[in-house]
PDB file of N, CA and C in Angstrom:
ATOM      1  N   MET A   1       7.637   7.892   6.296  1.00  0.00           N
ATOM      2  CA  MET A   1       6.358   7.829   5.639  1.00  0.00           C
ATOM      3  C   MET A   1       5.420   8.802   6.342  1.00  0.00           C
ATOM      4  N   ALA A   2       4.723   9.616   5.574  1.00  0.00           N
ATOM      5  CA  ALA A   2       3.836  10.625   6.143  1.00  0.00           C
ATOM      6  C   ALA A   2       2.561   9.978   6.657  1.00  0.00           C
ATOM      7  N   THR A   3       2.069  10.514   7.760  1.00  0.00           N
ATOM      8  CA  THR A   3       0.801  10.028   8.286  1.00  0.00           C
ATOM      9  C   THR A   3      -0.319  10.862   7.701  1.00  0.00           C
ATOM     10  N   ASN A   4      -1.503  10.304   7.675  1.00  0.00           N
ATOM     11  CA  ASN A   4      -2.665  10.995   7.140  1.00  0.00           C
ATOM     12  C   ASN A   4      -3.591  11.329   8.289  1.00  0.00           C
ATOM     13  N   PRO A   5      -3.528  12.570   8.796  1.00  0.00           N
ATOM     14  CA  PRO A   5      -4.372  12.920   9.935  1.00  0.00           C
ATOM     15  C   PRO A   5      -5.842  12.866   9.565  1.00  0.00           C
ATOM     16  N   GLN A   6      -6.652  12.437  10.514  1.00  0.00           N
ATOM     17  CA  GLN A   6      -8.091  12.387  10.309  1.00  0.00           C
ATOM     18  C   GLN A   6      -8.669  13.786  10.479  1.00  0.00           C
ATOM     19  N   PRO A   7      -9.585  14.199   9.585  1.00  0.00           N
ATOM     20  CA  PRO A   7     -10.214  15.509   9.745  1.00  0.00           C
ATOM     21  C   PRO A   7     -10.970  15.567  11.067  1.00  0.00           C
ATOM     22  N   THR A   8     -10.948  16.716  11.703  1.00  0.00           N
ATOM     23  CA  THR A   8     -11.624  16.868  12.991  1.00  0.00           C
ATOM     24  C   THR A   8     -12.993  17.512  12.854  1.00  0.00           C
ATOM     25  N   ASN A   9     -13.331  17.977  11.667  1.00  0.00           N
ATOM     26  CA  ASN A   9     -14.592  18.696  11.479  1.00  0.00           C
ATOM     27  C   ASN A   9     -15.643  17.870  10.735  1.00  0.00           C
ATOM     28  N   LEU A  10     -15.633  16.559  10.913  1.00  0.00           N
ATOM     29  CA  LEU A  10     -16.602  15.710  10.215  1.00  0.00           C
ATOM     30  C   LEU A  10     -17.971  15.820  10.873  1.00  0.00           C
ATOM     31  N   PRO A  11     -19.029  15.875  10.044  1.00  0.00           N
ATOM     32  CA  PRO A  11     -20.375  15.885  10.613  1.00  0.00           C
ATOM     33  C   PRO A  11     -20.676  14.549  11.287  1.00  0.00           C
ATOM     34  N   ALA A  12     -21.531  14.578  12.283  1.00  0.00           N
ATOM     35  CA  ALA A  12     -21.920  13.351  12.984  1.00  0.00           C
ATOM     36  C   ALA A  12     -22.908  12.572  12.126  1.00  0.00           C
ATOM     37  N   GLY A  13     -22.707  11.273  12.044  1.00  0.00           N
ATOM     38  CA  GLY A  13     -23.645  10.406  11.343  1.00  0.00           C
ATOM     39  C   GLY A  13     -23.503  10.449   9.833  1.00  0.00           C
ATOM     40  N   PRO A  14     -24.276   9.598   9.165  1.00  0.00           N
ATOM     41  CA  PRO A  14     -24.246   9.542   7.701  1.00  0.00           C
ATOM     42  C   PRO A  14     -24.736  10.855   7.088  1.00  0.00           C
ATOM     43  N   GLN A  15     -24.177  11.200   5.939  1.00  0.00           N
ATOM     44  CA  GLN A  15     -24.572  12.411   5.222  1.00  0.00           C
ATOM     45  C   GLN A  15     -25.152  12.018   3.870  1.00  0.00           C
ATOM     46  N   PRO A  16     -26.224  12.679   3.445  1.00  0.00           N
ATOM     47  CA  PRO A  16     -26.804  12.359   2.134  1.00  0.00           C
ATOM     48  C   PRO A  16     -25.894  12.840   1.007  1.00  0.00           C
ATOM     49  N   THR A  17     -25.897  12.114  -0.073  1.00  0.00           N
ATOM     50  CA  THR A  17     -25.164  12.502  -1.275  1.00  0.00           C
ATOM     51  C   THR A  17     -25.886  11.916  -2.474  1.00  0.00           C
ATOM     52  N   ARG A  18     -25.355  12.116  -3.665  1.00  0.00           N
ATOM     53  CA  ARG A  18     -26.036  11.642  -4.873  1.00  0.00           C
ATOM     54  C   ARG A  18     -25.088  10.838  -5.742  1.00  0.00           C
ATOM     55  N   LEU A  19     -25.679   9.942  -6.502  1.00  0.00           N
ATOM     56  CA  LEU A  19     -24.949   9.223  -7.538  1.00  0.00           C
ATOM     57  C   LEU A  19     -25.219   9.925  -8.854  1.00  0.00           C
ATOM     58  N   PHE A  20     -24.266   9.836  -9.796  1.00  0.00           N
ATOM     59  CA  PHE A  20     -24.469  10.397 -11.128  1.00  0.00           C
ATOM     60  C   PHE A  20     -23.656   9.585 -12.117  1.00  0.00           C
ATOM     61  N   ARG A  21     -23.930   9.783 -13.386  1.00  0.00           N
ATOM     62  CA  ARG A  21     -23.220   9.080 -14.451  1.00  0.00           C
ATOM     63  C   ARG A  21     -22.061   9.936 -14.937  1.00  0.00           C
ATOM     64  N   ASN A  22     -20.921   9.279 -15.139  1.00  0.00           N
ATOM     65  CA  ASN A  22     -19.757   9.921 -15.726  1.00  0.00           C
ATOM     66  C   ASN A  22     -19.279   8.978 -16.820  1.00  0.00           C
ATOM     67  N   GLY A  23     -19.719   9.216 -18.041  1.00  0.00           N
ATOM     68  CA  GLY A  23     -19.444   8.285 -19.136  1.00  0.00           C
ATOM     69  C   GLY A  23     -20.180   6.985 -18.877  1.00  0.00           C
ATOM     70  N   ASN A  24     -19.467   5.867 -18.918  1.00  0.00           N
ATOM     71  CA  ASN A  24     -20.075   4.565 -18.644  1.00  0.00           C
ATOM     72  C   ASN A  24     -19.993   4.180 -17.173  1.00  0.00           C
ATOM     73  N   SER A  25     -19.448   5.047 -16.352  1.00  0.00           N
ATOM     74  CA  SER A  25     -19.276   4.741 -14.929  1.00  0.00           C
ATOM     75  C   SER A  25     -20.311   5.452 -14.082  1.00  0.00           C
ATOM     76  N   GLN A  26     -20.601   4.863 -12.955  1.00  0.00           N
ATOM     77  CA  GLN A  26     -21.430   5.531 -11.959  1.00  0.00           C
ATOM     78  C   GLN A  26     -20.476   6.183 -10.967  1.00  0.00           C
ATOM     79  N   ALA A  27     -20.771   7.401 -10.581  1.00  0.00           N
ATOM     80  CA  ALA A  27     -19.901   8.150  -9.671  1.00  0.00           C
ATOM     81  C   ALA A  27     -20.710   8.615  -8.475  1.00  0.00           C
ATOM     82  N   VAL A  28     -20.016   8.950  -7.420  1.00  0.00           N
ATOM     83  CA  VAL A  28     -20.672   9.435  -6.208  1.00  0.00           C
ATOM     84  C   VAL A  28     -20.097  10.811  -5.879  1.00  0.00           C
ATOM     85  N   ARG A  29     -20.950  11.726  -5.525  1.00  0.00           N
ATOM     86  CA  ARG A  29     -20.494  13.048  -5.083  1.00  0.00           C
ATOM     87  C   ARG A  29     -20.064  12.923  -3.624  1.00  0.00           C
ATOM     88  N   ILE A  30     -18.857  13.340  -3.346  1.00  0.00           N
ATOM     89  CA  ILE A  30     -18.343  13.275  -1.978  1.00  0.00           C
ATOM     90  C   ILE A  30     -18.497  14.662  -1.367  1.00  0.00           C
ATOM     91  N   PRO A  31     -19.291  14.785  -0.303  1.00  0.00           N
ATOM     92  CA  PRO A  31     -19.471  16.094   0.328  1.00  0.00           C
ATOM     93  C   PRO A  31     -18.127  16.691   0.773  1.00  0.00           C
ATOM     94  N   ARG A  32     -18.048  17.990   0.777  1.00  0.00           N
ATOM     95  CA  ARG A  32     -16.814  18.706   1.102  1.00  0.00           C
ATOM     96  C   ARG A  32     -16.212  18.244   2.430  1.00  0.00           C
ATOM     97  N   ALA A  33     -17.039  18.008   3.410  1.00  0.00           N
ATOM     98  CA  ALA A  33     -16.530  17.595   4.728  1.00  0.00           C
ATOM     99  C   ALA A  33     -15.795  16.255   4.669  1.00  0.00           C
ATOM    100  N   PHE A  34     -16.106  15.424   3.672  1.00  0.00           N
ATOM    101  CA  PHE A  34     -15.480  14.108   3.543  1.00  0.00           C
ATOM    102  C   PHE A  34     -14.411  14.068   2.457  1.00  0.00           C
ATOM    103  N   ALA A  35     -14.173  15.175   1.776  1.00  0.00           N
ATOM    104  CA  ALA A  35     -13.261  15.197   0.632  1.00  0.00           C
ATOM    105  C   ALA A  35     -11.827  14.891   1.056  1.00  0.00           C
ATOM    106  N   PHE A  36     -11.102  14.213   0.180  1.00  0.00           N
ATOM    107  CA  PHE A  36      -9.671  14.001   0.375  1.00  0.00           C
ATOM    108  C   PHE A  36      -8.962  15.323   0.138  1.00  0.00           C
ATOM    109  N   GLU A  37      -7.741  15.453   0.659  1.00  0.00           N
ATOM    110  CA  GLU A  37      -7.027  16.728   0.578  1.00  0.00           C
ATOM    111  C   GLU A  37      -6.564  17.070  -0.832  1.00  0.00           C
ATOM    112  N   SER A  38      -6.596  16.111  -1.757  1.00  0.00           N
ATOM    113  CA  SER A  38      -6.126  16.357  -3.117  1.00  0.00           C
ATOM    114  C   SER A  38      -6.938  15.523  -4.094  1.00  0.00           C
ATOM    115  N   ASP A  39      -7.049  16.009  -5.321  1.00  0.00           N
ATOM    116  CA  ASP A  39      -7.692  15.231  -6.383  1.00  0.00           C
ATOM    117  C   ASP A  39      -6.681  14.321  -7.073  1.00  0.00           C
ATOM    118  N   LYS A  40      -5.427  14.411  -6.702  1.00  0.00           N
ATOM    119  CA  LYS A  40      -4.374  13.674  -7.393  1.00  0.00           C
ATOM    120  C   LYS A  40      -3.955  12.395  -6.674  1.00  0.00           C
ATOM    121  N   ILE A  41      -4.697  11.976  -5.671  1.00  0.00           N
ATOM    122  CA  ILE A  41      -4.370  10.728  -4.985  1.00  0.00           C
ATOM    123  C   ILE A  41      -5.181   9.596  -5.600  1.00  0.00           C
ATOM    124  N   GLN A  42      -4.699   8.378  -5.459  1.00  0.00           N
ATOM    125  CA  GLN A  42      -5.452   7.218  -5.919  1.00  0.00           C
ATOM    126  C   GLN A  42      -6.196   6.627  -4.737  1.00  0.00           C
ATOM    127  N   VAL A  43      -7.417   6.197  -5.001  1.00  0.00           N
ATOM    128  CA  VAL A  43      -8.221   5.555  -3.975  1.00  0.00           C
ATOM    129  C   VAL A  43      -8.618   4.178  -4.471  1.00  0.00           C
ATOM    130  N   GLU A  44      -9.048   3.338  -3.548  1.00  0.00           N
ATOM    131  CA  GLU A  44      -9.594   2.035  -3.909  1.00  0.00           C
ATOM    132  C   GLU A  44     -10.972   1.934  -3.293  1.00  0.00           C
ATOM    133  N   ILE A  45     -11.814   1.140  -3.925  1.00  0.00           N
ATOM    134  CA  ILE A  45     -13.189   0.994  -3.462  1.00  0.00           C
ATOM    135  C   ILE A  45     -13.467  -0.481  -3.237  1.00  0.00           C
ATOM    136  N   GLU A  46     -14.229  -0.776  -2.210  1.00  0.00           N
ATOM    137  CA  GLU A  46     -14.554  -2.158  -1.855  1.00  0.00           C
ATOM    138  C   GLU A  46     -16.009  -2.208  -1.414  1.00  0.00           C
ATOM    139  N   ARG A  47     -16.700  -3.252  -1.838  1.00  0.00           N
ATOM    140  CA  ARG A  47     -18.079  -3.445  -1.404  1.00  0.00           C
ATOM    141  C   ARG A  47     -18.088  -4.358  -0.192  1.00  0.00           C
ATOM    142  N   GLN A  48     -18.795  -3.930   0.865  1.00  0.00           N
ATOM    143  CA  GLN A  48     -19.024  -4.759   2.051  1.00  0.00           C
ATOM    144  C   GLN A  48     -20.522  -4.742   2.307  1.00  0.00           C
ATOM    145  N   GLY A  49     -21.191  -5.806   1.873  1.00  0.00           N
ATOM    146  CA  GLY A  49     -22.653  -5.848   1.986  1.00  0.00           C
ATOM    147  C   GLY A  49     -23.259  -4.769   1.113  1.00  0.00           C
ATOM    148  N   ASP A  50     -24.082  -3.897   1.713  1.00  0.00           N
ATOM    149  CA  ASP A  50     -24.668  -2.814   0.924  1.00  0.00           C
ATOM    150  C   ASP A  50     -23.873  -1.517   1.074  1.00  0.00           C
ATOM    151  N   ALA A  51     -22.676  -1.588   1.644  1.00  0.00           N
ATOM    152  CA  ALA A  51     -21.828  -0.401   1.826  1.00  0.00           C
ATOM    153  C   ALA A  51     -20.673  -0.416   0.832  1.00  0.00           C
ATOM    154  N   LEU A  52     -20.270   0.757   0.392  1.00  0.00           N
ATOM    155  CA  LEU A  52     -19.068   0.921  -0.417  1.00  0.00           C
ATOM    156  C   LEU A  52     -18.039   1.638   0.448  1.00  0.00           C
ATOM    157  N   ILE A  53     -16.865   1.061   0.555  1.00  0.00           N
ATOM    158  CA  ILE A  53     -15.784   1.641   1.343  1.00  0.00           C
ATOM    159  C   ILE A  53     -14.782   2.254   0.369  1.00  0.00           C
ATOM    160  N   ILE A  54     -14.541   3.551   0.488  1.00  0.00           N
ATOM    161  CA  ILE A  54     -13.562   4.252  -0.345  1.00  0.00           C
ATOM    162  C   ILE A  54     -12.427   4.682   0.570  1.00  0.00           C
ATOM    163  N   ARG A  55     -11.201   4.294   0.220  1.00  0.00           N
ATOM    164  CA  ARG A  55     -10.048   4.668   1.042  1.00  0.00           C
ATOM    165  C   ARG A  55      -8.851   4.947   0.137  1.00  0.00           C
ATOM    166  N   ARG A  56      -7.897   5.666   0.702  1.00  0.00           N
ATOM    167  CA  ARG A  56      -6.657   5.957  -0.026  1.00  0.00           C
ATOM    168  C   ARG A  56      -6.013   4.626  -0.408  1.00  0.00           C
ATOM    169  N   ALA A  57      -5.561   4.512  -1.655  1.00  0.00           N
ATOM    170  CA  ALA A  57      -4.925   3.283  -2.122  1.00  0.00           C
ATOM    171  C   ALA A  57      -3.579   3.113  -1.436  1.00  0.00           C
ATOM    172  N   LYS A  58      -3.256   1.879  -1.114  1.00  0.00           N
ATOM    173  CA  LYS A  58      -1.960   1.576  -0.517  1.00  0.00           C
ATOM    174  C   LYS A  58      -0.890   1.729  -1.587  1.00  0.00           C
ATOM    175  N   ARG A  59       0.259   2.204  -1.172  1.00  0.00           N
ATOM    176  CA  ARG A  59       1.357   2.327  -2.119  1.00  0.00           C
ATOM    177  C   ARG A  59       1.851   0.935  -2.481  1.00  0.00           C
ATOM    178  N   ARG A  60       2.009   0.695  -3.737  1.00  0.00           N
ATOM    179  CA  ARG A  60       2.491  -0.594  -4.218  1.00  0.00           C
ATOM    180  C   ARG A  60       3.996  -0.516  -4.455  1.00  0.00           C
ATOM    181  N   LEU A  61       4.642  -1.631  -4.359  1.00  0.00           N
ATOM    182  CA  LEU A  61       6.084  -1.686  -4.569  1.00  0.00           C
ATOM    183  C   LEU A  61       6.421  -2.207  -5.962  1.00  0.00           C
ATOM    184  N   ASN A  62       5.458  -2.074  -6.894  1.00  0.00           N
ATOM    185  CA  ASN A  62       5.710  -2.500  -8.268  1.00  0.00           C
ATOM    186  C   ASN A  62       6.922  -1.755  -8.809  1.00  0.00           C
ATOM    187  N   GLY A  63       7.800  -2.465  -9.454  1.00  0.00           N
ATOM    188  CA  GLY A  63       8.968  -1.843 -10.056  1.00  0.00           C
ATOM    189  C   GLY A  63      10.167  -1.747  -9.130  1.00  0.00           C
ATOM    190  N   LEU A  64       9.997  -2.072  -7.867  1.00  0.00           N
ATOM    191  CA  LEU A  64      11.111  -1.965  -6.931  1.00  0.00           C
ATOM    192  C   LEU A  64      12.221  -2.956  -7.276  1.00  0.00           C
ATOM    193  N   GLY A  65      11.838  -4.168  -7.661  1.00  0.00           N
ATOM    194  CA  GLY A  65      12.838  -5.171  -8.042  1.00  0.00           C
ATOM    195  C   GLY A  65      13.663  -4.716  -9.229  1.00  0.00           C
ATOM    196  N   ALA A  66      13.005  -4.140 -10.236  1.00  0.00           N
ATOM    197  CA  ALA A  66      13.722  -3.645 -11.414  1.00  0.00           C
ATOM    198  C   ALA A  66      14.667  -2.512 -11.032  1.00  0.00           C
ATOM    199  N   ALA A  67      14.243  -1.657 -10.123  1.00  0.00           N
ATOM    200  CA  ALA A  67      15.099  -0.551  -9.689  1.00  0.00           C
ATOM    201  C   ALA A  67      16.355  -1.089  -9.006  1.00  0.00           C
ATOM    202  N   PHE A  68      16.219  -2.116  -8.178  1.00  0.00           N
ATOM    203  CA  PHE A  68      17.388  -2.704  -7.526  1.00  0.00           C
ATOM    204  C   PHE A  68      18.299  -3.389  -8.540  1.00  0.00           C
ATOM    205  N   ARG A  69      17.697  -4.062  -9.529  1.00  0.00           N
ATOM    206  CA  ARG A  69      18.518  -4.726 -10.547  1.00  0.00           C
ATOM    207  C   ARG A  69      19.341  -3.711 -11.334  1.00  0.00           C
ATOM    208  N   GLU A  70      18.802  -2.518 -11.553  1.00  0.00           N
ATOM    209  CA  GLU A  70      19.539  -1.485 -12.284  1.00  0.00           C
ATOM    210  C   GLU A  70      20.791  -1.052 -11.528  1.00  0.00           C
ATOM    211  N   LEU A  71      20.798  -1.209 -10.219  1.00  0.00           N
ATOM    212  CA  LEU A  71      21.976  -0.844  -9.439  1.00  0.00           C
ATOM    213  C   LEU A  71      23.138  -1.792  -9.705  1.00  0.00           C
ATOM    214  N   GLY A  72      22.817  -3.010 -10.124  1.00  0.00           N
ATOM    215  CA  GLY A  72      23.814  -3.967 -10.571  1.00  0.00           C
ATOM    216  C   GLY A  72      24.785  -4.436  -9.513  1.00  0.00           C
ATOM    217  N   PRO A  73      25.973  -4.851  -9.961  1.00  0.00           N
ATOM    218  CA  PRO A  73      26.967  -5.435  -9.061  1.00  0.00           C
ATOM    219  C   PRO A  73      27.421  -4.476  -7.963  1.00  0.00           C
ATOM    220  N   TYR A  74      27.420  -3.186  -8.235  1.00  0.00           N
ATOM    221  CA  TYR A  74      27.835  -2.221  -7.213  1.00  0.00           C
ATOM    222  C   TYR A  74      26.979  -2.384  -5.967  1.00  0.00           C
ATOM    223  N   PHE A  75      25.690  -2.502  -6.148  1.00  0.00           N
ATOM    224  CA  PHE A  75      24.774  -2.638  -5.016  1.00  0.00           C
ATOM    225  C   PHE A  75      24.964  -3.976  -4.314  1.00  0.00           C
ATOM    226  N   GLU A  76      25.192  -5.028  -5.075  1.00  0.00           N
ATOM    227  CA  GLU A  76      25.316  -6.366  -4.493  1.00  0.00           C
ATOM    228  C   GLU A  76      26.503  -6.466  -3.537  1.00  0.00           C
ATOM    229  N   ASP A  77      27.593  -5.762  -3.830  1.00  0.00           N
ATOM    230  CA  ASP A  77      28.803  -5.866  -3.017  1.00  0.00           C
ATOM    231  C   ASP A  77      28.966  -4.713  -2.038  1.00  0.00           C
ATOM    232  N   PHE A  78      28.088  -3.767  -2.057  1.00  0.00           N
ATOM    233  CA  PHE A  78      28.259  -2.547  -1.272  1.00  0.00           C
ATOM    234  C   PHE A  78      28.196  -2.823   0.222  1.00  0.00           C
ATOM    235  N   GLY A  79      29.317  -2.608   0.901  1.00  0.00           N
ATOM    236  CA  GLY A  79      29.357  -2.632   2.353  1.00  0.00           C
ATOM    237  C   GLY A  79      29.084  -3.956   3.029  1.00  0.00           C
ATOM    238  N   ARG A  80      29.196  -5.071   2.323  1.00  0.00           N
ATOM    239  CA  ARG A  80      28.912  -6.354   2.971  1.00  0.00           C
ATOM    240  C   ARG A  80      30.079  -7.306   2.782  1.00  0.00           C
ATOM    241  N   GLU A  81      30.602  -7.775   3.866  1.00  0.00           N
ATOM    242  CA  GLU A  81      31.597  -8.847   3.830  1.00  0.00           C
ATOM    243  C   GLU A  81      30.884 -10.106   4.289  1.00  0.00           C
ATOM    244  N   GLN A  82      30.813 -11.092   3.427  1.00  0.00           N
ATOM    245  CA  GLN A  82      30.118 -12.326   3.759  1.00  0.00           C
ATOM    246  C   GLN A  82      31.112 -13.358   4.284  1.00  0.00           C
ATOM    247  N   PRO A  83      30.811 -13.979   5.421  1.00  0.00           N
ATOM    248  CA  PRO A  83      31.680 -15.054   5.914  1.00  0.00           C
ATOM    249  C   PRO A  83      31.531 -16.279   5.014  1.00  0.00           C
ATOM    250  N   PRO A  84      32.533 -17.173   5.046  1.00  0.00           N
ATOM    251  CA  PRO A  84      32.416 -18.391   4.236  1.00  0.00           C
ATOM    252  C   PRO A  84      31.208 -19.217   4.689  1.00  0.00           C
ATOM    253  N   MET A  85      30.627 -19.906   3.744  1.00  0.00           N
ATOM    254  CA  MET A  85      29.465 -20.738   4.051  1.00  0.00           C
ATOM    255  C   MET A  85      29.881 -21.897   4.948  1.00  0.00           C
ATOM    256  N   GLU A  86      29.082 -22.168   5.946  1.00  0.00           N
ATOM    257  CA  GLU A  86      29.329 -23.268   6.864  1.00  0.00           C
ATOM    258  C   GLU A  86      28.747 -24.537   6.251  1.00  0.00           C
ATOM    259  N   THR A  87      29.511 -25.623   6.297  1.00  0.00           N
ATOM    260  CA  THR A  87      28.981 -26.892   5.799  1.00  0.00           C
ATOM    261  C   THR A  87      28.459 -27.697   6.972  1.00  0.00           C
ATOM    262  N   ARG A  88      27.339 -28.337   6.763  1.00  0.00           N
ATOM    263  CA  ARG A  88      26.715 -29.119   7.832  1.00  0.00           C
ATOM    264  C   ARG A  88      26.386 -30.514   7.341  1.00  0.00           C
ATOM    265  N   ASP A  89      26.483 -31.453   8.258  1.00  0.00           N
ATOM    266  CA  ASP A  89      26.082 -32.820   7.970  1.00  0.00           C
ATOM    267  C   ASP A  89      24.694 -33.012   8.576  1.00  0.00           C
ATOM    268  N   TRP A  90      23.683 -32.906   7.772  1.00  0.00           N
ATOM    269  CA  TRP A  90      22.302 -32.970   8.256  1.00  0.00           C
ATOM    270  C   TRP A  90      21.881 -34.400   8.604  1.00  0.00           C
ATOM    271  N   GLU A  91      22.654 -35.369   8.195  1.00  0.00           N
ATOM    272  CA  GLU A  91      22.327 -36.765   8.479  1.00  0.00           C
ATOM    273  C   GLU A  91      22.882 -37.207   9.829  1.00  0.00           C
ATOM    274  N   SER A  92      23.806 -36.473  10.365  1.00  0.00           N
ATOM    275  CA  SER A  92      24.456 -36.846  11.614  1.00  0.00           C
ATOM    276  C   SER A  92      23.466 -36.752  12.773  1.00  0.00           C
ATOM    277  N   THR A  93      23.535 -37.732  13.690  1.00  0.00           N
ATOM    278  CA  THR A  93      22.678 -37.701  14.882  1.00  0.00           C
ATOM    279  C   THR A  93      23.408 -37.060  16.048  1.00  0.00           C
ATOM    280  N   ASP A  94      24.623 -36.625  15.809  1.00  0.00           N
ATOM    281  CA  ASP A  94      25.468 -36.061  16.854  1.00  0.00           C
ATOM    282  C   ASP A  94      25.438 -34.526  16.809  1.00  0.00           C
ATOM    283  N   ARG A  95      24.274 -33.952  16.552  1.00  0.00           N
ATOM    284  CA  ARG A  95      24.169 -32.489  16.454  1.00  0.00           C
ATOM    285  C   ARG A  95      24.032 -31.859  17.824  1.00  0.00           C
ATOM    286  N   LYS A  96      24.561 -30.658  17.950  1.00  0.00           N
ATOM    287  CA  LYS A  96      24.391 -29.891  19.181  1.00  0.00           C
ATOM    288  C   LYS A  96      22.970 -29.362  19.226  1.00  0.00           C
ATOM    289  N   ARG A  97      22.403 -29.319  20.394  1.00  0.00           N
ATOM    290  CA  ARG A  97      21.030 -28.821  20.535  1.00  0.00           C
ATOM    291  C   ARG A  97      21.040 -27.505  21.247  1.00  0.00           C
TER     292      ARG A  97
END
């Protein structure tokens, strides 16, 4: 997994910016010094008090289960020898500790 290095040329302290309308949404202009490296990444936004936190969205594993199911029986048996299941008497008081 690639790491996301922090920019080293960030200005000190808060920087002024502006809000504007984009259709029915309110948008914020992100100064160049704070810009993400690409316009094609997804971000998430969260409100904390009077602050808005914008960060790169975490990768979701949606669809991973379906992808594994498509592998079918080949994947289920690939490289694994399972020992026989052990039977236990859970009612017995003579268990090893």
